[in-house]
Amino acid sequence: MQVAELFWVDAEVGSDELWTAKQQKWWYEIVKGDINSVAIRCRGCRKEEKLRKSEARNVHFEGLAKKGKKP
């Protein structure tokens, strides 16, 4: 698979980012990421989004536990 470095703008903070050919090769060939997928968040924003989702999930499960339901 031939890939070229790709410049893009982060969807959260608007910073200019570079998706290197090495990163793309890892994503498409090693991880088997969808061929139509592209990066939209920088590493820092992805980390924050992952934390936000984790916290929201924990709040949800705590609410279920209070109601006596299993997740």
N, C-alpha and C. Protein backbone atom coordinates (compact mmCIF):
# COMPACT_ATOMS: atom_id res chain seq x y z
N MET A 1 0.85 -1.18 0.00
CA MET A 1 0.00 0.00 0.00
C MET A 1 0.89 1.24 0.00
N GLN A 2 0.67 2.10 -0.93
CA GLN A 2 1.44 3.34 -1.05
C GLN A 2 0.67 4.46 -0.35
N VAL A 3 1.32 5.12 0.63
CA VAL A 3 0.68 6.23 1.33
C VAL A 3 1.58 7.45 1.30
N ALA A 4 0.96 8.60 1.34
CA ALA A 4 1.69 9.86 1.39
C ALA A 4 1.36 10.55 2.70
N GLU A 5 2.29 11.35 3.18
CA GLU A 5 2.02 12.09 4.41
C GLU A 5 0.82 13.00 4.19
N LEU A 6 -0.02 13.10 5.20
CA LEU A 6 -1.28 13.81 5.08
C LEU A 6 -1.36 14.90 6.14
N PHE A 7 -1.58 16.13 5.71
CA PHE A 7 -1.79 17.23 6.63
C PHE A 7 -3.28 17.39 6.87
N TRP A 8 -3.65 17.68 8.12
CA TRP A 8 -5.05 17.83 8.49
C TRP A 8 -5.17 18.79 9.66
N VAL A 9 -6.37 19.24 9.94
CA VAL A 9 -6.63 20.17 11.04
C VAL A 9 -7.43 19.45 12.11
N ASP A 10 -6.94 19.52 13.36
CA ASP A 10 -7.61 18.88 14.49
C ASP A 10 -9.02 19.44 14.65
N ALA A 11 -10.00 18.56 14.83
CA ALA A 11 -11.40 18.95 14.94
C ALA A 11 -11.71 19.65 16.25
N GLU A 12 -10.94 19.39 17.29
CA GLU A 12 -11.21 19.98 18.61
C GLU A 12 -10.54 21.34 18.80
N VAL A 13 -9.24 21.40 18.59
CA VAL A 13 -8.49 22.63 18.90
C VAL A 13 -8.04 23.38 17.66
N GLY A 14 -8.21 22.80 16.49
CA GLY A 14 -7.87 23.48 15.25
C GLY A 14 -6.38 23.54 14.93
N SER A 15 -5.58 22.71 15.59
CA SER A 15 -4.14 22.72 15.32
C SER A 15 -3.84 21.97 14.02
N ASP A 16 -2.80 22.41 13.33
CA ASP A 16 -2.35 21.73 12.12
C ASP A 16 -1.58 20.49 12.53
N GLU A 17 -1.91 19.37 11.94
CA GLU A 17 -1.30 18.10 12.31
C GLU A 17 -0.80 17.40 11.05
N LEU A 18 0.10 16.45 11.25
CA LEU A 18 0.64 15.64 10.16
C LEU A 18 0.44 14.17 10.49
N TRP A 19 -0.18 13.45 9.58
CA TRP A 19 -0.33 11.99 9.72
C TRP A 19 0.72 11.39 8.81
N THR A 20 1.80 10.91 9.42
CA THR A 20 2.94 10.43 8.65
C THR A 20 2.63 9.12 7.95
N ALA A 21 3.43 8.83 6.94
CA ALA A 21 3.27 7.57 6.22
C ALA A 21 3.47 6.38 7.17
N LYS A 22 4.41 6.51 8.11
CA LYS A 22 4.67 5.44 9.08
C LYS A 22 3.44 5.20 9.95
N GLN A 23 2.79 6.28 10.42
CA GLN A 23 1.59 6.15 11.25
C GLN A 23 0.45 5.53 10.45
N GLN A 24 0.31 5.95 9.20
CA GLN A 24 -0.74 5.39 8.35
C GLN A 24 -0.51 3.91 8.09
N LYS A 25 0.73 3.53 7.83
CA LYS A 25 1.05 2.12 7.60
C LYS A 25 0.67 1.30 8.83
N TRP A 26 1.01 1.79 10.03
CA TRP A 26 0.65 1.10 11.26
C TRP A 26 -0.87 0.95 11.36
N TRP A 27 -1.60 2.06 11.10
CA TRP A 27 -3.05 2.05 11.24
C TRP A 27 -3.70 1.08 10.25
N TYR A 28 -3.33 1.15 9.00
CA TYR A 28 -3.99 0.36 7.97
C TYR A 28 -3.51 -1.09 7.91
N GLU A 29 -2.20 -1.33 8.10
CA GLU A 29 -1.66 -2.67 7.89
C GLU A 29 -1.53 -3.48 9.17
N ILE A 30 -1.18 -2.85 10.28
CA ILE A 30 -0.99 -3.59 11.53
C ILE A 30 -2.30 -3.70 12.30
N VAL A 31 -2.95 -2.57 12.54
CA VAL A 31 -4.19 -2.53 13.31
C VAL A 31 -5.39 -2.93 12.46
N LYS A 32 -5.22 -2.89 11.15
CA LYS A 32 -6.30 -3.21 10.20
C LYS A 32 -7.44 -2.21 10.30
N GLY A 33 -7.08 -0.92 10.45
CA GLY A 33 -8.08 0.15 10.49
C GLY A 33 -8.80 0.27 9.15
N ASP A 34 -9.99 0.78 9.19
CA ASP A 34 -10.81 0.96 7.99
C ASP A 34 -10.05 1.82 6.98
N ILE A 35 -10.02 1.40 5.74
CA ILE A 35 -9.28 2.09 4.69
C ILE A 35 -9.84 3.49 4.43
N ASN A 36 -11.10 3.72 4.77
CA ASN A 36 -11.71 5.03 4.56
C ASN A 36 -11.59 5.95 5.76
N SER A 37 -10.96 5.49 6.84
CA SER A 37 -10.85 6.32 8.03
C SER A 37 -9.68 7.29 7.92
N VAL A 38 -9.84 8.43 8.56
CA VAL A 38 -8.79 9.44 8.62
C VAL A 38 -8.74 10.00 10.04
N ALA A 39 -7.62 10.56 10.40
CA ALA A 39 -7.48 11.15 11.73
C ALA A 39 -8.26 12.46 11.79
N ILE A 40 -8.93 12.71 12.94
CA ILE A 40 -9.63 13.98 13.12
C ILE A 40 -9.21 14.68 14.41
N ARG A 41 -8.58 13.94 15.33
CA ARG A 41 -8.14 14.51 16.60
C ARG A 41 -6.65 14.25 16.80
N CYS A 42 -5.95 15.21 17.38
CA CYS A 42 -4.54 15.01 17.72
C CYS A 42 -4.44 14.04 18.89
N ARG A 43 -3.24 13.61 19.20
CA ARG A 43 -3.04 12.63 20.27
C ARG A 43 -3.59 13.13 21.60
N GLY A 44 -3.33 14.40 21.93
CA GLY A 44 -3.83 14.96 23.19
C GLY A 44 -5.35 14.98 23.27
N CYS A 45 -5.99 15.36 22.17
CA CYS A 45 -7.46 15.39 22.13
C CYS A 45 -8.05 13.99 22.19
N ARG A 46 -7.39 13.02 21.54
CA ARG A 46 -7.86 11.63 21.62
C ARG A 46 -7.78 11.13 23.05
N LYS A 47 -6.71 11.48 23.74
CA LYS A 47 -6.54 11.06 25.13
C LYS A 47 -7.63 11.67 26.01
N GLU A 48 -7.92 12.96 25.82
CA GLU A 48 -8.99 13.63 26.58
C GLU A 48 -10.35 13.02 26.29
N GLU A 49 -10.63 12.71 25.03
CA GLU A 49 -11.91 12.12 24.64
C GLU A 49 -12.07 10.73 25.25
N LYS A 50 -11.00 9.96 25.26
CA LYS A 50 -11.04 8.63 25.86
C LYS A 50 -11.34 8.73 27.36
N LEU A 51 -10.72 9.69 28.04
CA LEU A 51 -10.97 9.90 29.46
C LEU A 51 -12.41 10.35 29.70
N ARG A 52 -12.91 11.27 28.86
CA ARG A 52 -14.28 11.75 29.00
C ARG A 52 -15.28 10.60 28.87
N LYS A 53 -15.06 9.74 27.88
CA LYS A 53 -15.96 8.60 27.67
C LYS A 53 -15.89 7.62 28.83
N SER A 54 -14.70 7.40 29.35
CA SER A 54 -14.52 6.49 30.47
C SER A 54 -15.26 7.01 31.71
N GLU A 55 -15.14 8.31 31.97
CA GLU A 55 -15.82 8.90 33.12
C GLU A 55 -17.33 8.84 32.95
N ALA A 56 -17.83 9.10 31.74
CA ALA A 56 -19.26 9.03 31.48
C ALA A 56 -19.78 7.60 31.67
N ARG A 57 -19.00 6.63 31.24
CA ARG A 57 -19.37 5.22 31.40
C ARG A 57 -19.46 4.86 32.88
N ASN A 58 -18.48 5.34 33.67
CA ASN A 58 -18.48 5.06 35.10
C ASN A 58 -19.69 5.68 35.79
N VAL A 59 -20.05 6.90 35.42
CA VAL A 59 -21.24 7.54 35.98
C VAL A 59 -22.48 6.73 35.63
N HIS A 60 -22.54 6.27 34.39
CA HIS A 60 -23.68 5.46 33.95
C HIS A 60 -23.79 4.17 34.77
N PHE A 61 -22.67 3.47 34.94
CA PHE A 61 -22.68 2.22 35.69
C PHE A 61 -23.01 2.45 37.16
N GLU A 62 -22.53 3.57 37.73
CA GLU A 62 -22.87 3.89 39.12
C GLU A 62 -24.37 4.12 39.25
N GLY A 63 -24.97 4.78 38.28
CA GLY A 63 -26.41 4.98 38.29
C GLY A 63 -27.16 3.68 38.20
N LEU A 64 -26.70 2.77 37.36
CA LEU A 64 -27.33 1.45 37.26
C LEU A 64 -27.22 0.69 38.58
N ALA A 65 -26.04 0.79 39.22
CA ALA A 65 -25.82 0.09 40.48
C ALA A 65 -26.78 0.61 41.55
N LYS A 66 -27.03 1.91 41.57
CA LYS A 66 -27.95 2.48 42.54
C LYS A 66 -29.38 2.00 42.34
N LYS A 67 -29.70 1.69 41.09
CA LYS A 67 -31.04 1.19 40.77
C LYS A 67 -31.12 -0.33 40.96
N GLY A 68 -29.99 -0.94 41.24
CA GLY A 68 -29.97 -2.39 41.46
C GLY A 68 -29.90 -3.20 40.19
N LYS A 69 -29.48 -2.57 39.09
CA LYS A 69 -29.36 -3.28 37.82
C LYS A 69 -27.89 -3.56 37.54
N LYS A 70 -27.62 -4.66 36.84
CA LYS A 70 -26.26 -4.98 36.46
C LYS A 70 -25.98 -4.41 35.08
N PRO A 71 -24.75 -3.90 34.87
CA PRO A 71 -24.42 -3.35 33.54
C PRO A 71 -24.26 -4.42 32.49
